[in-house]
Structures are given as structure tokens and as C-alpha cells.
Amino acid sequence: MNMLSELVDQNTKLAVVGLGYVGLPLAIAFDRKVKVVGFDVNSEKINKYKLGIDPTNEVGEEKIKKATIYFTSEEKDLKECKFHIVSVPTPIKDDNTPDLSPVISASEIIGRNLTKGSIVVYESTVYPGVTEDICVPILEEKSGLKCGVDFKIGYSPERINPGDKVKRLEKIVKVVSGMDDETLNDVANVYELVIEAGVYRAKSIKVAEAAKAIENAQRDINIAFMNELSIIFNKMNIDTKAVIDAASTKFNFIKLNPGLVGGHCIAVDPYYLIYSAKKAGIESQVISAGRRINDSMAKFVVENTVKSLIKADKRIKGSKVAVLGMTFKEDCPDTRNSKVIDIISELKEYDIDVIVTDPYADKEEVKKYYNLALVDLKEIKNVDAIIIAVSHSEYRNLEVKDLIKLYEKEQVLDEVAVDINNEEKKLVLIDVKGIIDKDECLKNNINYWSL
């Protein structure tokens, strides 16, 4: 009996190890077809799932409550499974080299509970060779089993786009790979249970690993190009957005916008490729340059914030700046590796008083990991400048009159009471993603700047 039949006939179970933004949607998807064990070492997270709470905002609490997934933080429960999917994060260290500790830990946990006839598939982003050269020896050591004889391995890189309600897991083609043809077929057949867009069978595990690494590196480089253009055009006093809009009328122009590049994928994965290249004796040129540019954008934003405050005759030390948005991308609660924290840190270097708000970020999590106390948008008053750092839908729907109220001292103002022509107000708006109408801002006496 093949793996697909064993799962569908419920003779065995499928395990998802790591239940974050990638693992949870996977577990929910497979739960509709087979018996699923959802494992995570974070017992607090597991308890939330058991209560039907979705801290990731990726699948929704209704789906979690309806799911029959066996959520657990007890690794012994993995012994009941023969198809293991590893979806733990793969961050970078302070020196921008790969931090494989989560994937190593997951391999150790699975290895201690691995049974004969099992397949272990890694989804975590890694550089080519990690699955076979690092993970397999750990699985063998901890299990006492032999890869290729007692168990098989595969790799299927995650392609989830956090916060995207259209391009969901099921709608994105899944790259799959296996250590041999039989494993490849098993892995492909299992994923085809839930991937409506179909699967692409990579020629080898290393090919699949490399494909994932270049997907995000390519996007990182493209955004870096736009960010460099923004730096150039700002110096030349040319509207970057207007330039991009004009250029995008050509059929083959790739339209991207400048901005902060954070998160656990685009801002991280290129470093895995750079590291892999260095191991092969190659010094990356283009990829490294892209990373340098994108990592410098927070500093660039703050420099122009300070310049805008000076133009508005505002003092720098002790000025009050509201930062709207804390997550790494719009309409998503994930604050991991958010570059907004770099903006906040840079502002504080100038002794600027920073107030931060975000409708999606978890207040307790932000306090715990960044030592920042988030406030509600309605609490913001009497600020010298506003930085819209993340283009959340709530901010995209803001009108200029709504923003003006954030600068006012009064707690409640009606529209008539706002004197938008008062030169003494000297309002400053830093619109990182260019979501507010520039012309409307200028009409209303707002010093406007965007990338």
C-alpha cells in the first residue's frame, strides 16, 4: 500500500511540525482529507488553537474550531504519523548567516519518534544541501533508522503569502521533490490532495531547495532597484511614484513600488543564497547589493523625516512622531523582522518621542519582543509628524481630514473646526508607501514626503 492510500484510508496520520503562518494553513487544508496531528513546541500557541483562536489571522477562527486536527506539544504523539511535514522558521543570525537551529531541533524531535515506512518532507526555506546533508544524519542518529531503507525524505518549499486572501495555499502551484522516483510520486500524490493549482515535480531535492532560495532573492533585488530609484529621484526632486506609473505603461515593465523589506522570507532568504554561494567559493554581487540597499531604507526614511521636520520649523529633540504600522507587511499581524522597528530605533537616536499604533499587531507580543507599548489610533493627538510605515487597509481608507485630526490637541474636533489653512500648524506626513493623495496633502498645507 502506498502512502496516499494509507493516509486516505486512515491507516496512518499526517503530522505538521511547526504551526505558524505556514504550518497552520497546511494542517487545516490536509484536515479536510486525512487525519492530522498538528505539533508545535510552543504550548501556549497549541492552547490557543485548541480554543479556536487564530493568532496568525491566516485561516480564521471558524475554520480552526471546525477542524479535527489533534493539536499537541507532546512529541510522542508524532509516533502515530508516517508522513511528516516540517514547517518551522529558518531565520538568520546577527551576522546574517543561516540559523538552522529550528530545523535541526525539528529533525531531532521527528527522529526520536520516527517509525519505519515514514516520509519526512521539509518545507522550511534552506540553502541547497541542508535537507540531505544536515537533516538526514540527524534523523538517522535519533531514530536508529536508515534513510532510503527505513524511511524516505522529500522537500517542498512553502509559497504562502501571509495576509493574502486571494493567493491561498490551495491556489499556488506546489514544487515537490523526493530522494527517489517512488518518494517523489508519494510526496506529489499527497500534496495533490489539497493543492488545486497542481504540483511541479522538481528533478531533485537540491533543485527544489535552490528554486525556493531564488524566488525571494529575485523579488528582493527587484524591490532594491525601486528603492535605489527612489533615493535617486528624491535627490533630483522627482516624484518616484509618478515615474513608476509612467514607465509601467510599457507591456514588459515590472511594476513594483519602493518600500521597507522585512519579514521572515524576502528579507531573509537571500542571505541563505549568499551563504551557499560563499561556501561554493563565489562572492555574491547583485544579491548582496540588493540586501544592502533594502536594509538601508529605514535610515533613509528617518533622515528625510528629520529634514521634513526642519523645513516645518519643528525642533528635532523632543518632537512627537506617530508611527502608523508595526507589522512587516500590510493587513498581516506578523511583526517578525519588521523593518519598522529600525525606523523607530533611528528616530529615538534623535531623541524623538515616538508613538506607535497598529490595528493588526498583538500588543502583548510587541511589548514582549520590542519593548514597545502600542496605542490605539484614536489616542494619537498633538503630534509633530506622522509616518505611515505600513499600508494597512485601515490607513489606505484614511482621508486627509482624518490625518489632520491626529495633529490636533483637542480630543474631539468636528470638520468645520479644523482650520486647514493655518500656516502655523506646519504638518509633516511621511507616507512610506505613497498611499495618501499627495496633491490633496499639499492643498491642505501638509509637508508631504514619500519614497
Protein backbone atom coordinates (compact mmCIF):
# COMPACT_ATOMS: atom_id res chain seq x y z
CA MET A 1 0.00 0.00 0.00
CA ASN A 2 1.40 3.43 -0.96
CA MET A 3 1.50 6.47 1.33
CA LEU A 4 -1.53 8.16 -0.23
CA SER A 5 -3.72 5.11 0.33
CA GLU A 6 -2.53 4.72 3.92
CA LEU A 7 -3.44 8.32 4.67
CA VAL A 8 -6.77 8.39 2.84
CA ASP A 9 -7.82 5.06 4.36
CA GLN A 10 -6.79 6.50 7.74
CA ASN A 11 -4.35 3.70 8.47
CA THR A 12 -1.84 6.37 9.47
CA LYS A 13 -1.72 10.10 10.14
CA LEU A 14 -0.03 13.16 8.68
CA ALA A 15 1.99 15.40 11.01
CA VAL A 16 2.69 19.09 10.55
CA VAL A 17 5.63 20.12 12.72
CA GLY A 18 5.63 23.87 13.30
CA LEU A 19 2.25 25.63 13.35
CA GLY A 20 2.94 29.19 12.34
CA TYR A 21 1.97 31.16 9.23
CA VAL A 22 2.96 28.21 7.02
CA GLY A 23 2.15 25.18 9.14
CA LEU A 24 -1.32 26.15 10.31
CA PRO A 25 -2.83 26.63 6.81
CA LEU A 26 -1.22 23.32 5.79
CA ALA A 27 -2.72 21.47 8.73
CA ILE A 28 -6.16 22.97 8.10
CA ALA A 29 -6.00 22.07 4.40
CA PHE A 30 -4.98 18.44 5.00
CA ASP A 31 -7.50 18.08 7.82
CA ARG A 32 -10.25 18.02 5.19
CA LYS A 33 -8.74 14.91 3.62
CA VAL A 34 -6.78 12.91 6.21
CA LYS A 35 -6.14 12.60 9.94
CA VAL A 36 -3.74 15.34 11.03
CA VAL A 37 -1.53 15.83 14.07
CA GLY A 38 -0.52 19.47 14.49
CA PHE A 39 2.65 19.75 16.57
CA ASP A 40 4.41 22.80 17.94
CA VAL A 41 6.85 23.16 20.84
CA ASN A 42 5.03 26.33 21.91
CA SER A 43 2.37 25.03 24.31
CA GLU A 44 0.76 28.49 24.59
CA LYS A 45 0.18 28.51 20.85
CA ILE A 46 -1.26 24.99 20.98
CA ASN A 47 -3.67 26.03 23.73
CA LYS A 48 -4.89 28.94 21.60
CA TYR A 49 -5.56 26.59 18.69
CA LYS A 50 -7.45 24.23 20.95
CA LEU A 51 -9.64 27.18 21.95
CA GLY A 52 -10.22 28.04 18.30
CA ILE A 53 -8.05 31.18 18.36
CA ASP A 54 -6.01 32.07 15.28
CA PRO A 55 -3.13 34.42 16.23
CA THR A 56 -1.80 34.26 12.66
CA ASN A 57 -5.05 35.52 11.10
CA GLU A 58 -4.26 33.21 8.18
CA VAL A 59 -7.15 30.73 8.28
CA GLY A 60 -9.72 32.28 10.61
CA GLU A 61 -11.07 31.09 13.93
CA GLU A 62 -14.16 29.48 12.39
CA LYS A 63 -12.03 27.01 10.43
CA ILE A 64 -9.90 26.18 13.47
CA LYS A 65 -12.98 25.50 15.57
CA LYS A 66 -14.39 23.19 12.88
CA ALA A 67 -11.09 21.34 12.36
CA THR A 68 -10.49 17.86 13.74
CA ILE A 69 -6.73 18.37 13.98
CA TYR A 70 -5.11 16.86 17.05
CA PHE A 71 -3.13 19.84 18.34
CA THR A 72 -0.27 18.85 20.62
CA SER A 73 3.07 19.91 22.06
CA GLU A 74 3.85 16.34 23.13
CA GLU A 75 6.37 14.90 20.67
CA LYS A 76 5.40 11.29 21.45
CA ASP A 77 2.18 11.92 19.51
CA LEU A 78 4.26 12.00 16.33
CA LYS A 79 4.80 8.24 16.61
CA GLU A 80 1.28 7.79 15.22
CA CYS A 81 2.25 9.52 11.97
CA LYS A 82 4.10 8.31 8.89
CA PHE A 83 4.02 11.45 6.75
CA HIS A 84 5.80 14.35 8.46
CA ILE A 85 5.88 17.91 7.12
CA VAL A 86 8.42 20.27 8.70
CA SER A 87 7.35 23.93 8.52
CA VAL A 88 9.46 25.64 11.15
CA PRO A 89 11.07 29.06 10.55
CA THR A 90 14.64 29.39 9.30
CA PRO A 91 15.85 32.83 10.44
CA ILE A 92 19.28 34.41 10.22
CA LYS A 93 21.81 35.20 12.94
CA ASP A 94 23.08 38.65 13.83
CA ASP A 95 25.88 38.22 11.28
CA ASN A 96 23.30 37.43 8.54
CA THR A 97 24.31 33.77 8.29
CA PRO A 98 21.66 31.00 8.36
CA ASP A 99 20.25 29.99 11.73
CA LEU A 100 19.33 26.35 11.26
CA SER A 101 18.58 25.69 14.93
CA PRO A 102 14.77 25.42 14.44
CA VAL A 103 15.05 22.94 11.57
CA ILE A 104 17.72 20.98 13.44
CA SER A 105 15.54 20.85 16.54
CA ALA A 106 12.55 19.71 14.47
CA SER A 107 14.68 16.97 12.90
CA GLU A 108 15.75 15.78 16.34
CA ILE A 109 12.15 15.68 17.55
CA ILE A 110 10.94 13.77 14.50
CA GLY A 111 13.96 11.46 14.63
CA ARG A 112 13.16 10.43 18.20
CA ASN A 113 9.65 9.47 17.09
CA LEU A 114 10.26 8.20 13.57
CA THR A 115 8.90 4.79 12.55
CA LYS A 116 9.72 2.53 9.61
CA GLY A 117 7.99 3.32 6.36
CA SER A 118 7.74 7.04 7.08
CA ILE A 119 8.34 10.01 4.77
CA VAL A 120 9.71 13.31 6.09
CA VAL A 121 9.15 16.38 3.90
CA TYR A 122 10.80 19.70 4.67
CA GLU A 123 9.08 22.97 3.74
CA SER A 124 11.36 25.34 5.64
CA THR A 125 13.46 27.61 3.41
CA VAL A 126 17.07 26.44 3.37
CA TYR A 127 20.09 26.60 1.11
CA PRO A 128 20.78 23.68 -1.28
CA GLY A 129 22.05 20.60 0.55
CA VAL A 130 20.57 21.19 4.00
CA THR A 131 17.86 18.52 3.73
CA GLU A 132 20.19 15.73 2.64
CA ASP A 133 23.47 16.78 4.26
CA ILE A 134 22.28 18.14 7.62
CA CYS A 135 18.77 16.89 8.33
CA VAL A 136 19.13 13.27 7.20
CA PRO A 137 22.09 12.46 9.50
CA ILE A 138 20.12 13.87 12.45
CA LEU A 139 17.05 11.80 11.57
CA GLU A 140 19.21 8.67 11.30
CA GLU A 141 21.10 9.32 14.52
CA LYS A 142 18.00 10.00 16.62
CA SER A 143 15.87 7.21 15.14
CA GLY A 144 18.44 4.50 14.61
CA LEU A 145 16.89 4.01 11.17
CA LYS A 146 18.50 4.20 7.73
CA CYS A 147 17.39 6.78 5.18
CA GLY A 148 16.45 5.14 1.88
CA VAL A 149 15.83 1.83 3.62
CA ASP A 150 13.63 2.51 6.65
CA PHE A 151 12.34 5.98 5.79
CA LYS A 152 12.42 8.44 2.89
CA ILE A 153 12.77 12.22 2.59
CA GLY A 154 11.47 14.96 0.34
CA TYR A 155 11.42 18.73 0.04
CA SER A 156 8.54 21.01 -0.92
CA PRO A 157 9.24 24.71 -0.37
CA GLU A 158 6.49 26.80 1.19
CA ARG A 159 4.98 29.50 -1.00
CA ILE A 160 2.43 31.04 1.32
CA ASN A 161 1.98 34.80 1.02
CA PRO A 162 0.99 35.98 4.54
CA GLY A 163 -2.06 38.23 4.59
CA ASP A 164 -3.05 37.37 1.01
CA LYS A 165 -6.69 36.28 0.95
CA VAL A 166 -6.68 35.51 -2.79
CA LYS A 167 -3.47 33.59 -3.48
CA ARG A 168 -4.06 30.98 -0.82
CA LEU A 169 -2.16 27.73 -0.26
CA GLU A 170 -4.51 25.73 -2.49
CA LYS A 171 -4.25 28.22 -5.36
CA ILE A 172 -0.44 28.27 -5.67
CA VAL A 173 1.45 25.62 -7.65
CA LYS A 174 3.48 23.47 -5.24
CA VAL A 175 7.03 22.43 -6.05
CA VAL A 176 7.69 18.91 -4.77
CA SER A 177 10.76 16.69 -4.72
CA GLY A 178 11.87 13.35 -3.35
CA MET A 179 15.04 11.35 -2.81
CA ASP A 180 13.96 8.87 -5.50
CA ASP A 181 11.15 8.40 -8.03
CA GLU A 182 8.97 6.42 -5.64
CA THR A 183 9.24 9.08 -2.93
CA LEU A 184 8.61 11.84 -5.46
CA ASN A 185 5.38 10.15 -6.53
CA ASP A 186 4.27 9.66 -2.94
CA VAL A 187 5.00 13.27 -2.00
CA ALA A 188 3.33 14.61 -5.14
CA ASN A 189 0.23 12.46 -4.65
CA VAL A 190 -0.19 13.54 -1.03
CA TYR A 191 0.12 17.26 -1.81
CA GLU A 192 -2.27 16.90 -4.76
CA LEU A 193 -4.95 16.10 -2.21
CA VAL A 194 -5.08 19.77 -1.24
CA ILE A 195 -3.26 21.80 -3.91
CA GLU A 196 -5.88 22.73 -6.50
CA ALA A 197 -3.31 24.52 -8.69
CA GLY A 198 -1.34 21.29 -9.05
CA VAL A 199 2.25 20.32 -8.28
CA TYR A 200 5.53 20.71 -10.13
CA ARG A 201 7.91 17.78 -9.78
CA ALA A 202 11.45 19.09 -9.37
CA LYS A 203 14.33 16.95 -10.63
CA SER A 204 15.97 16.70 -7.22
CA ILE A 205 15.77 17.90 -3.65
CA LYS A 206 18.64 20.34 -4.21
CA VAL A 207 16.84 21.81 -7.24
CA ALA A 208 13.73 22.39 -5.13
CA GLU A 209 15.79 23.97 -2.33
CA ALA A 210 17.56 26.27 -4.80
CA ALA A 211 14.30 27.22 -6.54
CA LYS A 212 12.87 28.47 -3.27
CA ALA A 213 16.00 30.45 -2.47
CA ILE A 214 15.96 32.34 -5.79
CA GLU A 215 12.22 33.11 -5.72
CA ASN A 216 12.55 35.56 -2.86
CA ALA A 217 16.02 36.73 -3.85
CA GLN A 218 14.65 37.81 -7.22
CA ARG A 219 11.86 39.82 -5.59
CA ASP A 220 14.32 41.33 -3.12
CA ILE A 221 16.57 42.51 -5.96
CA ASN A 222 13.64 43.97 -7.91
CA ILE A 223 12.45 45.95 -4.88
CA ALA A 224 16.03 47.07 -4.21
CA PHE A 225 16.12 48.51 -7.72
CA MET A 226 12.97 50.51 -6.99
CA ASN A 227 14.39 51.64 -3.65
CA GLU A 228 17.57 52.85 -5.32
CA LEU A 229 15.49 54.71 -7.89
CA SER A 230 13.60 56.34 -5.01
CA ILE A 231 16.85 57.53 -3.46
CA ILE A 232 17.99 58.93 -6.82
CA PHE A 233 14.71 60.62 -7.69
CA ASN A 234 14.30 62.10 -4.21
CA LYS A 235 17.68 63.76 -4.68
CA MET A 236 16.56 65.05 -8.08
CA ASN A 237 13.21 66.24 -6.67
CA ILE A 238 11.27 63.93 -9.00
CA ASP A 239 8.12 62.09 -7.89
CA THR A 240 9.14 58.40 -7.84
CA LYS A 241 5.54 57.14 -7.94
CA ALA A 242 4.82 59.29 -10.98
CA VAL A 243 7.88 57.87 -12.74
CA ILE A 244 6.85 54.28 -12.00
CA ASP A 245 3.29 54.93 -13.16
CA ALA A 246 4.59 56.33 -16.44
CA ALA A 247 7.09 53.50 -17.01
CA SER A 248 4.53 50.82 -16.19
CA THR A 249 2.55 51.69 -19.31
CA LYS A 250 5.09 49.61 -21.25
CA PHE A 251 3.94 45.98 -21.62
CA ASN A 252 7.05 44.34 -20.18
CA PHE A 253 7.83 46.75 -17.34
CA ILE A 254 7.68 45.00 -13.93
CA LYS A 255 5.75 47.36 -11.69
CA LEU A 256 6.93 47.27 -8.09
CA ASN A 257 6.96 50.02 -5.52
CA PRO A 258 9.79 51.09 -3.21
CA GLY A 259 9.41 50.34 0.49
CA LEU A 260 10.65 48.58 3.58
CA VAL A 261 11.60 44.94 3.03
CA GLY A 262 11.16 42.89 6.18
CA GLY A 263 9.54 39.68 7.31
CA HIS A 264 10.80 36.14 7.50
CA CYS A 265 11.09 35.47 3.74
CA ILE A 266 12.17 38.19 1.32
CA ALA A 267 14.47 39.88 3.84
CA VAL A 268 15.97 36.57 5.00
CA ASP A 269 16.11 34.04 2.15
CA PRO A 270 18.67 35.96 0.03
CA TYR A 271 21.16 35.59 2.87
CA TYR A 272 20.79 31.80 2.61
CA LEU A 273 21.70 32.04 -1.08
CA ILE A 274 24.61 34.39 -0.35
CA TYR A 275 25.87 31.96 2.30
CA SER A 276 25.51 28.99 -0.04
CA ALA A 277 27.38 30.83 -2.79
CA LYS A 278 30.18 31.70 -0.39
CA LYS A 279 30.50 28.04 0.59
CA ALA A 280 30.95 27.29 -3.12
CA GLY A 281 33.68 29.93 -3.38
CA ILE A 282 31.53 32.60 -5.04
CA GLU A 283 31.11 36.11 -3.65
CA SER A 284 27.58 37.26 -4.49
CA GLN A 285 27.50 40.68 -6.13
CA VAL A 286 23.94 41.54 -7.18
CA ILE A 287 22.11 39.72 -4.36
CA SER A 288 24.37 41.26 -1.71
CA ALA A 289 23.93 44.74 -3.20
CA GLY A 290 20.16 44.33 -3.11
CA ARG A 291 20.28 43.38 0.55
CA ARG A 292 22.46 46.39 1.41
CA ILE A 293 20.07 48.79 -0.30
CA ASN A 294 16.93 47.32 1.26
CA ASP A 295 18.46 47.17 4.73
CA SER A 296 19.34 50.87 4.48
CA MET A 297 15.83 52.15 3.71
CA ALA A 298 14.70 52.67 7.30
CA LYS A 299 17.64 55.02 7.85
CA PHE A 300 16.78 56.83 4.61
CA VAL A 301 13.17 57.31 5.74
CA VAL A 302 14.24 58.74 9.10
CA GLU A 303 16.78 61.09 7.52
CA ASN A 304 14.01 62.55 5.37
CA THR A 305 11.66 62.70 8.35
CA VAL A 306 14.20 64.86 10.17
CA LYS A 307 14.69 67.05 7.08
CA SER A 308 10.91 67.49 6.78
CA LEU A 309 10.66 68.49 10.46
CA ILE A 310 13.41 71.06 9.96
CA LYS A 311 11.63 72.50 6.90
CA ALA A 312 8.49 72.80 9.01
CA ASP A 313 10.48 74.72 11.67
CA LYS A 314 9.95 71.93 14.18
CA ARG A 315 12.53 71.16 16.82
CA ILE A 316 14.04 67.69 16.46
CA LYS A 317 14.89 66.75 20.03
CA GLY A 318 11.67 66.13 21.89
CA SER A 319 9.43 66.30 18.84
CA LYS A 320 6.48 63.93 18.81
CA VAL A 321 6.17 61.49 15.90
CA ALA A 322 3.40 58.95 15.38
CA VAL A 323 4.30 55.77 13.50
CA LEU A 324 1.32 54.06 11.88
CA GLY A 325 2.03 50.37 11.37
CA MET A 326 4.34 47.91 13.08
CA THR A 327 3.98 44.63 11.16
CA PHE A 328 6.30 43.63 8.33
CA LYS A 329 3.55 43.92 5.70
CA GLU A 330 0.03 45.21 5.24
CA ASP A 331 -3.05 43.50 6.69
CA CYS A 332 -0.95 40.90 8.48
CA PRO A 333 -0.27 40.55 12.24
CA ASP A 334 3.29 39.22 11.82
CA THR A 335 5.90 41.55 13.35
CA ARG A 336 8.89 39.24 12.90
CA ASN A 337 11.84 41.04 11.35
CA SER A 338 9.72 44.14 10.74
CA LYS A 339 11.85 46.99 9.45
CA VAL A 340 9.53 49.47 11.15
CA ILE A 341 11.46 48.78 14.36
CA ASP A 342 14.54 50.14 12.57
CA ILE A 343 12.65 53.36 11.84
CA ILE A 344 11.62 53.62 15.49
CA SER A 345 15.17 52.97 16.71
CA GLU A 346 16.60 55.59 14.31
CA LEU A 347 14.03 58.16 15.45
CA LYS A 348 14.95 57.56 19.07
CA GLU A 349 18.60 58.21 18.20
CA TYR A 350 17.49 61.81 17.58
CA ASP A 351 15.72 61.89 20.99
CA ILE A 352 12.37 61.98 19.21
CA ASP A 353 9.30 60.91 21.18
CA VAL A 354 7.77 58.02 19.22
CA ILE A 355 4.16 56.79 19.45
CA VAL A 356 3.31 53.57 17.63
CA THR A 357 -0.03 52.12 16.59
CA ASP A 358 -1.08 49.07 14.57
CA PRO A 359 -4.55 47.52 14.15
CA TYR A 360 -3.20 44.02 13.47
CA ALA A 361 -0.14 43.54 15.68
CA ASP A 362 -0.56 41.77 19.01
CA LYS A 363 0.10 44.33 21.76
CA GLU A 364 1.49 41.78 24.20
CA GLU A 365 3.81 40.31 21.59
CA VAL A 366 5.14 43.75 20.59
CA LYS A 367 5.70 44.63 24.24
CA LYS A 368 7.48 41.33 24.87
CA TYR A 369 9.78 41.29 21.84
CA TYR A 370 10.29 45.01 21.13
CA ASN A 371 9.51 46.62 24.50
CA LEU A 372 7.03 48.94 22.79
CA ALA A 373 3.57 49.86 24.07
CA LEU A 374 1.17 50.12 21.14
CA VAL A 375 -1.64 52.66 21.37
CA ASP A 376 -4.94 52.89 19.51
CA LEU A 377 -5.11 55.27 16.56
CA LYS A 378 -7.83 57.33 18.27
CA GLU A 379 -5.45 58.05 21.15
CA ILE A 380 -2.97 59.89 18.92
CA LYS A 381 -3.15 63.68 19.23
CA ASN A 382 -0.87 66.73 19.02
CA VAL A 383 1.97 65.12 17.04
CA ASP A 384 4.59 66.97 15.00
CA ALA A 385 4.79 64.34 12.29
CA ILE A 386 3.10 61.15 11.13
CA ILE A 387 4.91 58.27 9.47
CA ILE A 388 2.62 55.82 7.68
CA ALA A 389 5.04 52.89 7.71
CA VAL A 390 2.69 50.06 6.69
CA SER A 391 -0.11 50.30 4.12
CA HIS A 392 -2.81 48.55 6.16
CA SER A 393 -6.28 48.79 4.62
CA GLU A 394 -7.34 50.97 7.57
CA TYR A 395 -4.70 53.52 6.60
CA ARG A 396 -5.46 53.31 2.89
CA ASN A 397 -9.02 54.33 3.74
CA LEU A 398 -7.93 57.39 5.72
CA GLU A 399 -8.80 60.78 4.26
CA VAL A 400 -6.61 63.83 4.68
CA LYS A 401 -9.10 65.33 7.13
CA ASP A 402 -8.71 62.19 9.29
CA LEU A 403 -4.95 62.65 9.36
CA ILE A 404 -5.21 66.33 10.23
CA LYS A 405 -7.11 65.44 13.40
CA LEU A 406 -4.11 63.44 14.61
CA TYR A 407 -2.04 66.61 14.73
CA GLU A 408 -4.63 68.47 16.82
CA LYS A 409 -4.51 68.99 20.57
CA GLU A 410 -8.25 68.74 21.09
CA GLN A 411 -9.68 65.32 21.86
CA VAL A 412 -12.74 65.86 19.67
CA LEU A 413 -12.99 68.12 16.63
CA ASP A 414 -15.68 68.46 14.05
CA GLU A 415 -14.66 69.01 10.45
CA VAL A 416 -15.63 72.69 10.48
CA ALA A 417 -13.36 73.42 13.46
CA VAL A 418 -10.22 72.30 11.63
CA ASP A 419 -8.51 75.29 10.08
CA ILE A 420 -6.56 73.56 7.32
CA ASN A 421 -5.15 76.83 6.05
CA ASN A 422 -3.40 77.77 9.29
CA GLU A 423 0.27 78.11 8.36
CA GLU A 424 1.32 77.67 11.99
CA LYS A 425 0.20 74.06 12.01
CA LYS A 426 3.14 73.04 9.76
CA LEU A 427 2.01 69.44 9.41
CA VAL A 428 4.51 66.75 8.37
CA LEU A 429 3.45 63.48 6.72
CA ILE A 430 5.92 60.74 5.79
CA ASP A 431 3.97 58.36 3.55
CA VAL A 432 6.40 55.47 3.06
CA LYS A 433 4.27 53.52 0.56
CA GLY A 434 2.60 56.52 -1.07
CA ILE A 435 -0.97 55.56 -0.16
CA ILE A 436 -2.24 59.08 0.60
CA ASP A 437 -3.03 61.54 -2.20
CA LYS A 438 -0.02 63.85 -2.41
CA ASP A 439 -1.85 66.69 -4.15
CA GLU A 440 -4.62 66.63 -1.56
CA CYS A 441 -1.99 66.83 1.20
CA LEU A 442 -0.29 69.82 -0.38
CA LYS A 443 -3.65 71.59 -0.77
CA ASN A 444 -4.19 71.13 2.94
CA ASN A 445 -0.86 72.64 3.99
CA ILE A 446 0.81 69.29 4.77
CA ASN A 447 4.53 68.84 4.23
CA TYR A 448 4.36 65.56 2.31
CA TRP A 449 7.19 63.10 1.59
CA SER A 450 7.19 59.54 0.30
CA LEU A 451 9.66 57.06 -1.15
